[in-house]
N, C-alpha and C. Protein backbone atom coordinates (compact mmCIF):
# COMPACT_ATOMS: atom_id res chain seq x y z
N MET A 1 12.14 -1.70 -4.67
CA MET A 1 11.04 -2.29 -3.91
C MET A 1 11.57 -2.89 -2.60
N LYS A 2 10.89 -2.59 -1.50
CA LYS A 2 11.26 -3.17 -0.21
C LYS A 2 10.69 -4.58 -0.10
N ILE A 3 11.53 -5.55 0.22
CA ILE A 3 11.03 -6.88 0.54
C ILE A 3 10.35 -6.79 1.91
N THR A 4 9.07 -7.11 1.93
CA THR A 4 8.26 -6.88 3.12
C THR A 4 7.64 -8.19 3.62
N TYR A 5 7.78 -8.42 4.93
CA TYR A 5 7.10 -9.52 5.61
C TYR A 5 5.99 -8.93 6.48
N VAL A 6 4.84 -9.57 6.45
CA VAL A 6 3.70 -9.11 7.24
C VAL A 6 3.42 -10.13 8.33
N TYR A 7 3.33 -9.68 9.57
CA TYR A 7 3.11 -10.54 10.73
C TYR A 7 1.75 -10.19 11.33
N VAL A 8 0.84 -11.17 11.36
CA VAL A 8 -0.55 -10.90 11.72
C VAL A 8 -0.89 -11.58 13.05
N ASP A 9 -1.26 -10.79 14.02
CA ASP A 9 -1.81 -11.29 15.28
C ASP A 9 -3.29 -11.59 15.02
N GLY A 10 -3.61 -12.85 14.69
CA GLY A 10 -4.96 -13.19 14.27
C GLY A 10 -6.01 -12.95 15.32
N PHE A 11 -5.70 -13.23 16.57
CA PHE A 11 -6.66 -13.04 17.66
C PHE A 11 -7.03 -11.56 17.79
N SER A 12 -6.02 -10.69 17.77
CA SER A 12 -6.26 -9.26 17.87
C SER A 12 -7.03 -8.74 16.65
N LEU A 13 -6.63 -9.19 15.46
CA LEU A 13 -7.30 -8.73 14.24
C LEU A 13 -8.77 -9.11 14.24
N TYR A 14 -9.07 -10.34 14.64
CA TYR A 14 -10.46 -10.78 14.65
C TYR A 14 -11.29 -9.98 15.65
N HIS A 15 -10.82 -9.90 16.88
CA HIS A 15 -11.64 -9.29 17.93
C HIS A 15 -11.70 -7.77 17.82
N ARG A 16 -10.65 -7.15 17.27
CA ARG A 16 -10.61 -5.69 17.22
C ARG A 16 -11.06 -5.11 15.89
N ALA A 17 -11.08 -5.94 14.84
CA ALA A 17 -11.37 -5.38 13.51
C ALA A 17 -12.59 -5.97 12.84
N VAL A 18 -12.80 -7.29 12.92
CA VAL A 18 -13.85 -7.88 12.09
C VAL A 18 -14.99 -8.53 12.87
N LYS A 19 -14.80 -8.85 14.14
CA LYS A 19 -15.89 -9.45 14.90
C LYS A 19 -17.11 -8.51 14.91
N GLY A 20 -18.28 -9.08 14.62
CA GLY A 20 -19.50 -8.28 14.60
C GLY A 20 -19.69 -7.48 13.33
N THR A 21 -18.84 -7.71 12.32
CA THR A 21 -18.95 -7.03 11.02
C THR A 21 -19.21 -8.09 9.94
N PRO A 22 -19.60 -7.67 8.73
CA PRO A 22 -19.74 -8.62 7.62
C PRO A 22 -18.43 -8.87 6.89
N TYR A 23 -17.28 -8.52 7.50
CA TYR A 23 -16.00 -8.55 6.79
C TYR A 23 -15.04 -9.60 7.34
N LYS A 24 -15.57 -10.71 7.86
CA LYS A 24 -14.71 -11.75 8.44
C LYS A 24 -13.96 -12.55 7.38
N TRP A 25 -14.46 -12.56 6.13
CA TRP A 25 -13.84 -13.32 5.04
C TRP A 25 -12.70 -12.49 4.46
N LEU A 26 -11.74 -12.13 5.30
CA LEU A 26 -10.77 -11.09 5.01
C LEU A 26 -9.55 -11.64 4.26
N ASP A 27 -9.22 -10.99 3.16
CA ASP A 27 -8.03 -11.31 2.39
C ASP A 27 -6.86 -10.51 2.98
N LEU A 28 -5.97 -11.20 3.67
CA LEU A 28 -4.89 -10.52 4.39
C LEU A 28 -3.89 -9.85 3.45
N LYS A 29 -3.67 -10.43 2.27
CA LYS A 29 -2.75 -9.80 1.33
C LYS A 29 -3.35 -8.53 0.76
N LYS A 30 -4.64 -8.56 0.39
CA LYS A 30 -5.29 -7.34 -0.11
C LYS A 30 -5.28 -6.26 0.96
N LEU A 31 -5.56 -6.65 2.19
CA LEU A 31 -5.57 -5.68 3.29
C LEU A 31 -4.22 -4.99 3.39
N ALA A 32 -3.15 -5.77 3.43
CA ALA A 32 -1.82 -5.18 3.55
C ALA A 32 -1.46 -4.35 2.33
N THR A 33 -1.82 -4.83 1.14
CA THR A 33 -1.51 -4.10 -0.09
C THR A 33 -2.20 -2.76 -0.14
N HIS A 34 -3.47 -2.71 0.27
CA HIS A 34 -4.21 -1.45 0.27
C HIS A 34 -3.63 -0.44 1.26
N LEU A 35 -3.08 -0.94 2.37
CA LEU A 35 -2.60 -0.04 3.41
C LEU A 35 -1.15 0.42 3.20
N LEU A 36 -0.38 -0.35 2.45
CA LEU A 36 1.03 0.00 2.25
C LEU A 36 1.21 0.77 0.95
N ARG A 37 2.32 1.50 0.86
CA ARG A 37 2.64 2.19 -0.37
C ARG A 37 3.08 1.20 -1.45
N GLY A 38 3.16 1.66 -2.69
CA GLY A 38 3.47 0.78 -3.81
C GLY A 38 4.89 0.27 -3.85
N ASP A 39 5.78 0.76 -2.98
CA ASP A 39 7.17 0.31 -3.04
C ASP A 39 7.44 -0.90 -2.15
N HIS A 40 6.37 -1.56 -1.67
CA HIS A 40 6.51 -2.76 -0.87
C HIS A 40 6.22 -4.00 -1.71
N HIS A 41 7.14 -4.95 -1.71
CA HIS A 41 6.88 -6.25 -2.31
C HIS A 41 6.63 -7.24 -1.18
N ILE A 42 5.37 -7.67 -1.02
CA ILE A 42 5.01 -8.57 0.08
C ILE A 42 5.46 -9.97 -0.28
N GLU A 43 6.51 -10.42 0.38
CA GLU A 43 7.09 -11.72 0.07
C GLU A 43 6.55 -12.82 0.99
N ALA A 44 6.11 -12.46 2.18
CA ALA A 44 5.57 -13.45 3.11
C ALA A 44 4.54 -12.80 4.02
N ILE A 45 3.50 -13.57 4.34
CA ILE A 45 2.52 -13.17 5.35
C ILE A 45 2.47 -14.29 6.37
N LYS A 46 2.76 -13.98 7.61
CA LYS A 46 2.75 -14.97 8.68
C LYS A 46 1.57 -14.67 9.61
N TYR A 47 0.69 -15.66 9.68
CA TYR A 47 -0.59 -15.51 10.40
C TYR A 47 -0.53 -16.36 11.66
N PHE A 48 -0.64 -15.71 12.81
CA PHE A 48 -0.52 -16.38 14.10
C PHE A 48 -1.89 -16.44 14.77
N THR A 49 -2.34 -17.66 15.05
CA THR A 49 -3.69 -17.83 15.56
C THR A 49 -3.75 -19.07 16.45
N ALA A 50 -4.93 -19.37 16.97
CA ALA A 50 -5.18 -20.60 17.73
C ALA A 50 -6.59 -21.06 17.37
N ILE A 51 -6.79 -22.36 17.37
CA ILE A 51 -8.09 -22.91 17.01
C ILE A 51 -9.02 -22.83 18.21
N VAL A 52 -10.17 -22.20 18.01
CA VAL A 52 -11.14 -22.02 19.09
C VAL A 52 -11.94 -23.30 19.31
N SER A 53 -12.43 -23.47 20.50
CA SER A 53 -13.38 -24.55 20.79
C SER A 53 -14.78 -23.99 20.66
N ALA A 54 -15.62 -24.65 19.89
CA ALA A 54 -16.96 -24.14 19.64
C ALA A 54 -17.82 -24.22 20.90
N PRO A 55 -18.44 -23.12 21.30
CA PRO A 55 -19.34 -23.18 22.46
C PRO A 55 -20.67 -23.84 22.08
N PRO A 56 -21.42 -24.32 23.05
CA PRO A 56 -22.69 -25.00 22.75
C PRO A 56 -23.66 -24.14 21.95
N GLU A 57 -23.63 -22.82 22.19
CA GLU A 57 -24.57 -21.94 21.49
C GLU A 57 -24.15 -21.67 20.04
N ASP A 58 -22.93 -22.03 19.67
CA ASP A 58 -22.45 -21.79 18.30
C ASP A 58 -21.56 -22.97 17.89
N PRO A 59 -22.15 -24.15 17.66
CA PRO A 59 -21.34 -25.36 17.44
C PRO A 59 -20.50 -25.34 16.17
N ARG A 60 -20.78 -24.45 15.22
CA ARG A 60 -20.03 -24.42 13.97
C ARG A 60 -18.91 -23.37 13.96
N LYS A 61 -18.66 -22.79 15.10
CA LYS A 61 -17.63 -21.73 15.17
C LYS A 61 -16.27 -22.25 14.75
N THR A 62 -15.87 -23.41 15.24
CA THR A 62 -14.57 -23.98 14.87
C THR A 62 -14.52 -24.29 13.38
N ILE A 63 -15.61 -24.83 12.84
CA ILE A 63 -15.65 -25.16 11.41
C ILE A 63 -15.46 -23.91 10.56
N ARG A 64 -16.10 -22.82 10.94
CA ARG A 64 -15.94 -21.57 10.19
C ARG A 64 -14.49 -21.09 10.22
N GLN A 65 -13.86 -21.16 11.39
CA GLN A 65 -12.47 -20.73 11.50
C GLN A 65 -11.56 -21.59 10.63
N LEU A 66 -11.74 -22.91 10.67
CA LEU A 66 -10.92 -23.81 9.87
C LEU A 66 -11.15 -23.59 8.37
N THR A 67 -12.39 -23.30 8.00
CA THR A 67 -12.70 -23.00 6.59
C THR A 67 -11.96 -21.74 6.16
N TYR A 68 -11.97 -20.74 7.01
CA TYR A 68 -11.27 -19.48 6.69
C TYR A 68 -9.77 -19.72 6.53
N ILE A 69 -9.18 -20.50 7.42
CA ILE A 69 -7.75 -20.78 7.32
C ILE A 69 -7.44 -21.54 6.04
N ARG A 70 -8.27 -22.51 5.69
CA ARG A 70 -8.08 -23.25 4.43
C ARG A 70 -8.16 -22.30 3.24
N ALA A 71 -9.10 -21.35 3.29
CA ALA A 71 -9.24 -20.39 2.19
C ALA A 71 -8.00 -19.51 2.06
N LEU A 72 -7.49 -19.02 3.17
CA LEU A 72 -6.28 -18.20 3.13
C LEU A 72 -5.11 -18.96 2.53
N LYS A 73 -4.92 -20.20 2.96
CA LYS A 73 -3.78 -21.00 2.49
C LYS A 73 -3.91 -21.35 1.00
N ALA A 74 -5.17 -21.56 0.55
CA ALA A 74 -5.38 -21.91 -0.85
C ALA A 74 -5.25 -20.71 -1.77
N TYR A 75 -5.61 -19.51 -1.28
CA TYR A 75 -5.70 -18.34 -2.15
C TYR A 75 -4.46 -17.45 -2.11
N ILE A 76 -3.71 -17.51 -1.01
CA ILE A 76 -2.56 -16.60 -0.83
C ILE A 76 -1.29 -17.45 -0.71
N PRO A 77 -0.54 -17.61 -1.79
CA PRO A 77 0.64 -18.50 -1.74
C PRO A 77 1.72 -18.00 -0.79
N GLU A 78 1.74 -16.72 -0.50
CA GLU A 78 2.78 -16.16 0.39
C GLU A 78 2.48 -16.43 1.88
N LEU A 79 1.30 -16.99 2.17
CA LEU A 79 0.84 -17.07 3.56
C LEU A 79 1.25 -18.38 4.24
N GLU A 80 1.71 -18.24 5.49
CA GLU A 80 1.97 -19.38 6.37
C GLU A 80 1.20 -19.17 7.66
N VAL A 81 0.72 -20.27 8.26
CA VAL A 81 -0.06 -20.20 9.49
C VAL A 81 0.72 -20.87 10.62
N TYR A 82 0.73 -20.20 11.77
CA TYR A 82 1.42 -20.72 12.96
C TYR A 82 0.43 -20.71 14.12
N TYR A 83 0.40 -21.82 14.87
CA TYR A 83 -0.65 -22.00 15.86
C TYR A 83 -0.14 -21.88 17.30
N GLY A 84 -0.89 -21.13 18.08
CA GLY A 84 -0.79 -21.17 19.53
C GLY A 84 -1.89 -22.09 20.05
N HIS A 85 -2.35 -21.81 21.28
CA HIS A 85 -3.41 -22.63 21.85
C HIS A 85 -4.16 -21.84 22.89
N PHE A 86 -5.32 -22.35 23.28
CA PHE A 86 -6.12 -21.73 24.32
C PHE A 86 -5.98 -22.53 25.61
N LEU A 87 -5.91 -21.82 26.73
CA LEU A 87 -5.90 -22.44 28.05
C LEU A 87 -7.08 -21.90 28.85
N SER A 88 -7.78 -22.81 29.52
CA SER A 88 -8.88 -22.40 30.40
C SER A 88 -8.55 -22.83 31.82
N HIS A 89 -8.82 -21.95 32.77
CA HIS A 89 -8.59 -22.30 34.16
C HIS A 89 -9.56 -21.52 35.04
N VAL A 90 -9.78 -22.04 36.24
CA VAL A 90 -10.67 -21.39 37.20
C VAL A 90 -9.86 -20.40 38.03
N ARG A 91 -10.40 -19.22 38.18
CA ARG A 91 -9.73 -18.22 39.03
C ARG A 91 -10.78 -17.42 39.79
N LYS A 92 -10.33 -16.79 40.85
CA LYS A 92 -11.23 -15.93 41.62
C LYS A 92 -11.14 -14.50 41.11
N ALA A 93 -12.29 -13.85 41.05
CA ALA A 93 -12.34 -12.46 40.60
C ALA A 93 -13.20 -11.67 41.57
N PRO A 94 -12.84 -10.42 41.84
CA PRO A 94 -13.65 -9.61 42.77
C PRO A 94 -14.98 -9.22 42.13
N LEU A 95 -16.01 -9.20 42.93
CA LEU A 95 -17.33 -8.76 42.46
C LEU A 95 -17.34 -7.25 42.29
N ALA A 96 -18.06 -6.77 41.30
CA ALA A 96 -18.19 -5.33 41.11
C ALA A 96 -18.96 -4.70 42.27
N HIS A 97 -19.89 -5.45 42.82
CA HIS A 97 -20.70 -4.95 43.96
C HIS A 97 -20.67 -5.99 45.07
N PRO A 98 -19.57 -6.04 45.82
CA PRO A 98 -19.46 -7.04 46.89
C PRO A 98 -20.45 -6.79 48.02
N THR A 99 -20.77 -7.85 48.70
CA THR A 99 -21.63 -7.76 49.88
C THR A 99 -20.82 -8.22 51.08
N SER A 100 -21.42 -8.11 52.24
CA SER A 100 -20.72 -8.54 53.45
C SER A 100 -20.47 -10.04 53.45
N ASN A 101 -21.33 -10.78 52.70
CA ASN A 101 -21.20 -12.22 52.66
C ASN A 101 -20.34 -12.72 51.48
N LYS A 102 -20.23 -11.91 50.45
CA LYS A 102 -19.54 -12.38 49.25
C LYS A 102 -18.78 -11.25 48.58
N LYS A 103 -17.49 -11.43 48.44
CA LYS A 103 -16.65 -10.42 47.79
C LYS A 103 -15.99 -10.93 46.50
N PHE A 104 -15.90 -12.24 46.37
CA PHE A 104 -15.24 -12.84 45.20
C PHE A 104 -16.15 -13.91 44.60
N VAL A 105 -15.92 -14.20 43.34
CA VAL A 105 -16.63 -15.26 42.64
C VAL A 105 -15.63 -16.03 41.79
N GLU A 106 -15.87 -17.33 41.62
CA GLU A 106 -15.01 -18.13 40.76
C GLU A 106 -15.49 -18.03 39.32
N ILE A 107 -14.55 -17.80 38.39
CA ILE A 107 -14.88 -17.71 36.98
C ILE A 107 -13.96 -18.64 36.19
N ILE A 108 -14.40 -18.98 34.97
CA ILE A 108 -13.54 -19.73 34.06
C ILE A 108 -12.91 -18.72 33.11
N LYS A 109 -11.61 -18.61 33.14
CA LYS A 109 -10.88 -17.65 32.29
C LYS A 109 -10.19 -18.40 31.17
N THR A 110 -10.47 -18.00 29.94
CA THR A 110 -9.85 -18.62 28.76
C THR A 110 -8.90 -17.61 28.14
N GLU A 111 -7.66 -18.04 27.93
CA GLU A 111 -6.64 -17.15 27.37
C GLU A 111 -5.97 -17.81 26.17
N GLU A 112 -5.69 -16.99 25.17
CA GLU A 112 -4.96 -17.46 24.01
C GLU A 112 -3.47 -17.36 24.32
N LYS A 113 -2.75 -18.47 24.14
CA LYS A 113 -1.34 -18.52 24.51
C LYS A 113 -0.48 -18.87 23.30
N GLY A 114 0.66 -18.27 23.23
CA GLY A 114 1.66 -18.67 22.26
C GLY A 114 1.78 -17.80 21.04
N SER A 115 0.69 -17.18 20.60
CA SER A 115 0.76 -16.43 19.34
C SER A 115 1.69 -15.23 19.42
N ASP A 116 1.62 -14.49 20.52
CA ASP A 116 2.49 -13.32 20.63
C ASP A 116 3.96 -13.71 20.70
N VAL A 117 4.25 -14.80 21.42
CA VAL A 117 5.63 -15.29 21.50
C VAL A 117 6.09 -15.78 20.13
N ASN A 118 5.23 -16.55 19.46
CA ASN A 118 5.58 -17.04 18.13
C ASN A 118 5.86 -15.90 17.17
N LEU A 119 5.01 -14.87 17.21
CA LEU A 119 5.19 -13.72 16.32
C LEU A 119 6.54 -13.04 16.59
N ALA A 120 6.82 -12.81 17.87
CA ALA A 120 8.08 -12.14 18.23
C ALA A 120 9.29 -12.95 17.79
N VAL A 121 9.23 -14.26 17.96
CA VAL A 121 10.36 -15.12 17.58
C VAL A 121 10.57 -15.09 16.07
N HIS A 122 9.50 -15.18 15.30
CA HIS A 122 9.63 -15.14 13.84
C HIS A 122 10.13 -13.78 13.36
N LEU A 123 9.64 -12.71 13.98
CA LEU A 123 10.09 -11.37 13.62
C LEU A 123 11.60 -11.24 13.81
N LEU A 124 12.10 -11.74 14.94
CA LEU A 124 13.53 -11.68 15.22
C LEU A 124 14.32 -12.61 14.32
N ASN A 125 13.85 -13.84 14.16
CA ASN A 125 14.59 -14.82 13.37
C ASN A 125 14.69 -14.41 11.91
N ASP A 126 13.60 -13.90 11.35
CA ASP A 126 13.61 -13.47 9.95
C ASP A 126 14.54 -12.28 9.75
N ALA A 127 14.62 -11.40 10.76
CA ALA A 127 15.57 -10.28 10.67
C ALA A 127 17.00 -10.80 10.73
N TRP A 128 17.26 -11.75 11.63
CA TRP A 128 18.60 -12.34 11.77
C TRP A 128 19.04 -13.00 10.45
N LEU A 129 18.07 -13.63 9.77
CA LEU A 129 18.38 -14.30 8.50
C LEU A 129 18.34 -13.33 7.31
N ASN A 130 18.07 -12.05 7.61
CA ASN A 130 18.03 -10.99 6.59
C ASN A 130 17.02 -11.29 5.48
N ARG A 131 15.84 -11.74 5.88
CA ARG A 131 14.83 -12.12 4.90
C ARG A 131 14.00 -10.93 4.42
N TYR A 132 13.97 -9.85 5.18
CA TYR A 132 13.13 -8.72 4.80
C TYR A 132 13.87 -7.40 4.98
N ASP A 133 13.38 -6.40 4.23
CA ASP A 133 13.81 -5.02 4.46
C ASP A 133 12.87 -4.31 5.43
N CYS A 134 11.59 -4.70 5.34
CA CYS A 134 10.55 -4.06 6.16
C CYS A 134 9.66 -5.14 6.76
N ALA A 135 9.39 -5.02 8.04
CA ALA A 135 8.42 -5.89 8.71
C ALA A 135 7.20 -5.06 9.08
N VAL A 136 6.03 -5.58 8.75
CA VAL A 136 4.77 -4.91 9.09
C VAL A 136 4.03 -5.80 10.08
N VAL A 137 3.74 -5.26 11.24
CA VAL A 137 3.10 -6.02 12.32
C VAL A 137 1.66 -5.54 12.47
N ILE A 138 0.72 -6.46 12.29
CA ILE A 138 -0.70 -6.13 12.49
C ILE A 138 -1.06 -6.56 13.90
N SER A 139 -0.92 -5.63 14.83
CA SER A 139 -1.17 -5.89 16.25
C SER A 139 -1.05 -4.59 17.01
N ASN A 140 -1.63 -4.58 18.22
CA ASN A 140 -1.45 -3.45 19.12
C ASN A 140 -0.90 -3.95 20.46
N ASP A 141 -0.22 -5.09 20.43
CA ASP A 141 0.25 -5.75 21.64
C ASP A 141 1.61 -5.19 22.05
N SER A 142 1.64 -4.49 23.17
CA SER A 142 2.89 -3.88 23.62
C SER A 142 3.94 -4.92 24.02
N ASP A 143 3.54 -6.18 24.21
CA ASP A 143 4.50 -7.23 24.52
C ASP A 143 5.48 -7.46 23.37
N LEU A 144 5.13 -6.99 22.18
CA LEU A 144 6.01 -7.15 21.02
C LEU A 144 7.09 -6.06 20.95
N ALA A 145 7.03 -5.09 21.84
CA ALA A 145 7.91 -3.93 21.73
C ALA A 145 9.38 -4.30 21.82
N GLU A 146 9.74 -5.21 22.71
CA GLU A 146 11.15 -5.54 22.88
C GLU A 146 11.71 -6.24 21.64
N ALA A 147 10.93 -7.14 21.06
CA ALA A 147 11.38 -7.80 19.83
C ALA A 147 11.59 -6.77 18.72
N ILE A 148 10.67 -5.84 18.59
CA ILE A 148 10.79 -4.79 17.57
C ILE A 148 12.01 -3.92 17.84
N ARG A 149 12.22 -3.58 19.10
CA ARG A 149 13.39 -2.74 19.46
C ARG A 149 14.69 -3.42 19.06
N LEU A 150 14.78 -4.73 19.31
CA LEU A 150 16.00 -5.47 18.97
C LEU A 150 16.21 -5.55 17.45
N VAL A 151 15.13 -5.73 16.73
CA VAL A 151 15.23 -5.76 15.26
C VAL A 151 15.75 -4.43 14.73
N LYS A 152 15.24 -3.35 15.27
CA LYS A 152 15.67 -2.03 14.80
C LYS A 152 17.11 -1.73 15.22
N LYS A 153 17.47 -2.11 16.45
CA LYS A 153 18.80 -1.79 16.96
C LYS A 153 19.89 -2.59 16.26
N HIS A 154 19.68 -3.89 16.10
CA HIS A 154 20.75 -4.76 15.62
C HIS A 154 20.69 -5.05 14.13
N HIS A 155 19.53 -4.84 13.51
CA HIS A 155 19.39 -5.19 12.09
C HIS A 155 18.97 -4.02 11.20
N LYS A 156 18.65 -2.88 11.83
CA LYS A 156 18.35 -1.65 11.09
C LYS A 156 17.20 -1.83 10.09
N LYS A 157 16.21 -2.62 10.46
CA LYS A 157 15.07 -2.85 9.57
C LYS A 157 14.01 -1.78 9.76
N THR A 158 13.22 -1.57 8.72
CA THR A 158 12.06 -0.69 8.81
C THR A 158 10.91 -1.47 9.43
N ILE A 159 10.22 -0.84 10.37
CA ILE A 159 9.10 -1.49 11.05
C ILE A 159 7.84 -0.64 10.88
N GLY A 160 6.79 -1.27 10.37
CA GLY A 160 5.49 -0.63 10.28
C GLY A 160 4.50 -1.31 11.19
N ILE A 161 3.59 -0.55 11.74
CA ILE A 161 2.54 -1.08 12.60
C ILE A 161 1.19 -0.80 11.94
N ILE A 162 0.36 -1.82 11.82
CA ILE A 162 -1.02 -1.64 11.36
C ILE A 162 -1.93 -1.90 12.54
N LEU A 163 -2.71 -0.90 12.89
CA LEU A 163 -3.56 -0.96 14.08
C LEU A 163 -4.98 -1.31 13.73
N PRO A 164 -5.62 -2.16 14.52
CA PRO A 164 -7.06 -2.37 14.36
C PRO A 164 -7.81 -1.07 14.66
N PRO A 165 -9.05 -0.97 14.17
CA PRO A 165 -9.83 0.24 14.47
C PRO A 165 -10.25 0.27 15.93
N ARG A 166 -10.57 1.44 16.40
CA ARG A 166 -11.19 1.63 17.70
C ARG A 166 -10.33 1.13 18.87
N VAL A 167 -9.02 1.20 18.73
CA VAL A 167 -8.16 0.87 19.86
C VAL A 167 -7.22 2.05 20.11
N LYS A 168 -6.89 2.24 21.37
CA LYS A 168 -5.90 3.24 21.72
C LYS A 168 -4.52 2.66 21.42
N ALA A 169 -3.78 3.34 20.59
CA ALA A 169 -2.49 2.81 20.14
C ALA A 169 -1.52 2.65 21.31
N SER A 170 -0.79 1.55 21.31
CA SER A 170 0.23 1.31 22.32
C SER A 170 1.35 2.34 22.18
N LYS A 171 1.66 3.04 23.26
CA LYS A 171 2.72 4.04 23.23
C LYS A 171 4.08 3.40 22.93
N GLU A 172 4.28 2.17 23.45
CA GLU A 172 5.55 1.48 23.23
C GLU A 172 5.75 1.17 21.74
N LEU A 173 4.68 0.73 21.08
CA LEU A 173 4.81 0.42 19.66
C LEU A 173 4.95 1.70 18.82
N LEU A 174 4.19 2.73 19.16
CA LEU A 174 4.27 3.99 18.42
C LEU A 174 5.68 4.57 18.47
N ALA A 175 6.33 4.43 19.62
CA ALA A 175 7.67 4.99 19.78
C ALA A 175 8.71 4.28 18.92
N LEU A 176 8.42 3.04 18.53
CA LEU A 176 9.39 2.26 17.76
C LEU A 176 9.09 2.22 16.27
N ALA A 177 7.86 2.48 15.89
CA ALA A 177 7.44 2.29 14.50
C ALA A 177 7.99 3.37 13.59
N ASP A 178 8.40 2.97 12.38
CA ASP A 178 8.78 3.93 11.34
C ASP A 178 7.55 4.52 10.66
N PHE A 179 6.47 3.74 10.62
CA PHE A 179 5.20 4.27 10.12
C PHE A 179 4.06 3.48 10.75
N VAL A 180 2.90 4.11 10.82
CA VAL A 180 1.71 3.51 11.43
C VAL A 180 0.53 3.71 10.50
N LYS A 181 -0.24 2.65 10.28
CA LYS A 181 -1.48 2.72 9.51
C LYS A 181 -2.60 2.19 10.40
N ARG A 182 -3.81 2.68 10.16
CA ARG A 182 -4.96 2.18 10.91
C ARG A 182 -5.97 1.58 9.95
N ILE A 183 -6.50 0.41 10.31
CA ILE A 183 -7.50 -0.27 9.48
C ILE A 183 -8.83 0.47 9.61
N ARG A 184 -9.40 0.83 8.47
CA ARG A 184 -10.72 1.47 8.44
C ARG A 184 -11.74 0.53 7.84
N ARG A 185 -12.99 0.81 8.10
CA ARG A 185 -14.08 -0.04 7.60
C ARG A 185 -14.04 -0.17 6.08
N GLY A 186 -13.73 0.93 5.40
CA GLY A 186 -13.71 0.90 3.94
C GLY A 186 -12.68 -0.06 3.38
N VAL A 187 -11.49 -0.12 4.01
CA VAL A 187 -10.45 -1.03 3.50
C VAL A 187 -10.80 -2.48 3.80
N LEU A 188 -11.51 -2.73 4.89
CA LEU A 188 -12.01 -4.08 5.16
C LEU A 188 -12.98 -4.52 4.07
N GLN A 189 -13.84 -3.60 3.67
CA GLN A 189 -14.87 -3.90 2.68
C GLN A 189 -14.27 -4.29 1.33
N ILE A 190 -13.18 -3.63 0.94
CA ILE A 190 -12.59 -3.91 -0.37
C ILE A 190 -11.48 -4.97 -0.31
N SER A 191 -11.32 -5.58 0.87
CA SER A 191 -10.24 -6.57 1.05
C SER A 191 -10.81 -7.94 1.40
N GLN A 192 -11.86 -8.34 0.70
CA GLN A 192 -12.50 -9.62 0.97
C GLN A 192 -12.04 -10.70 -0.02
N LEU A 193 -11.97 -11.93 0.45
CA LEU A 193 -11.71 -13.07 -0.42
C LEU A 193 -12.89 -13.29 -1.36
N PRO A 194 -12.69 -13.98 -2.47
CA PRO A 194 -13.82 -14.36 -3.32
C PRO A 194 -14.80 -15.25 -2.55
N GLU A 195 -16.08 -15.16 -2.88
CA GLU A 195 -17.08 -15.99 -2.21
C GLU A 195 -16.72 -17.47 -2.30
N GLN A 196 -16.20 -17.89 -3.46
CA GLN A 196 -15.64 -19.24 -3.62
C GLN A 196 -14.20 -19.10 -4.05
N ILE A 197 -13.31 -19.80 -3.36
CA ILE A 197 -11.89 -19.73 -3.70
C ILE A 197 -11.68 -20.46 -5.03
N PRO A 198 -11.14 -19.78 -6.05
CA PRO A 198 -10.97 -20.40 -7.38
C PRO A 198 -10.20 -21.72 -7.32
N GLY A 199 -10.70 -22.71 -8.07
CA GLY A 199 -10.04 -24.00 -8.14
C GLY A 199 -10.26 -24.90 -6.94
N THR A 200 -11.15 -24.51 -6.04
CA THR A 200 -11.42 -25.31 -4.84
C THR A 200 -12.93 -25.38 -4.62
N ASN A 201 -13.31 -26.16 -3.61
CA ASN A 201 -14.71 -26.18 -3.18
C ASN A 201 -14.91 -25.41 -1.89
N ILE A 202 -13.99 -24.49 -1.61
CA ILE A 202 -14.05 -23.70 -0.37
C ILE A 202 -14.93 -22.48 -0.60
N HIS A 203 -15.98 -22.35 0.21
CA HIS A 203 -16.91 -21.24 0.10
C HIS A 203 -16.91 -20.44 1.40
N ARG A 204 -17.25 -19.18 1.26
CA ARG A 204 -17.52 -18.37 2.45
C ARG A 204 -18.67 -19.00 3.23
N PRO A 205 -18.54 -19.21 4.54
CA PRO A 205 -19.64 -19.79 5.31
C PRO A 205 -20.90 -18.91 5.21
N PRO A 206 -22.05 -19.50 4.91
CA PRO A 206 -23.26 -18.70 4.67
C PRO A 206 -23.73 -17.91 5.88
N GLU A 207 -23.42 -18.39 7.10
CA GLU A 207 -23.90 -17.69 8.30
C GLU A 207 -22.98 -16.55 8.71
N TRP A 208 -21.90 -16.34 7.97
CA TRP A 208 -21.02 -15.21 8.28
C TRP A 208 -21.66 -13.95 7.75
């Protein structure tokens, strides 16, 4: 059995796989287990995310996210959560249809920061400490390519990539991966947490 660590880019997984679907109550261990072959022993799942600020039109958004994180931590003993953060700033952007009087407009741009760096650092550090035989990365972020390249070059680890649906696969990641899996709607459907987490009062949010 391969000792396997799973590294989850939470922001990418949410926006590319489950947003707008009824499958947000996602069991990350079931998802990985369904997608991997039986010779993988999942010893750790590292989930990288950032806490969102609830917009006025959806004031319970943050509460739902925190409830989901509590459910994951209570139900999956192998899971650890690592936090980045969001930054908002004003920037100028060109108009799609500029006029003689106006070519740019000021917008508020919100970016998630830290998760990709955190993921890359943990991927490298765990390889250095020889904690896994195989690392599975749930992301399509080409910024992770250099960390993966170093893991393969210096530590000879097996690297798998799990891609969200409906995205064009990163060529940099494909070139480095030993195997690639793609998340399908059917595997999301069968990889849900229980409506109530056993032994707790944590429930799936009703508006999800």
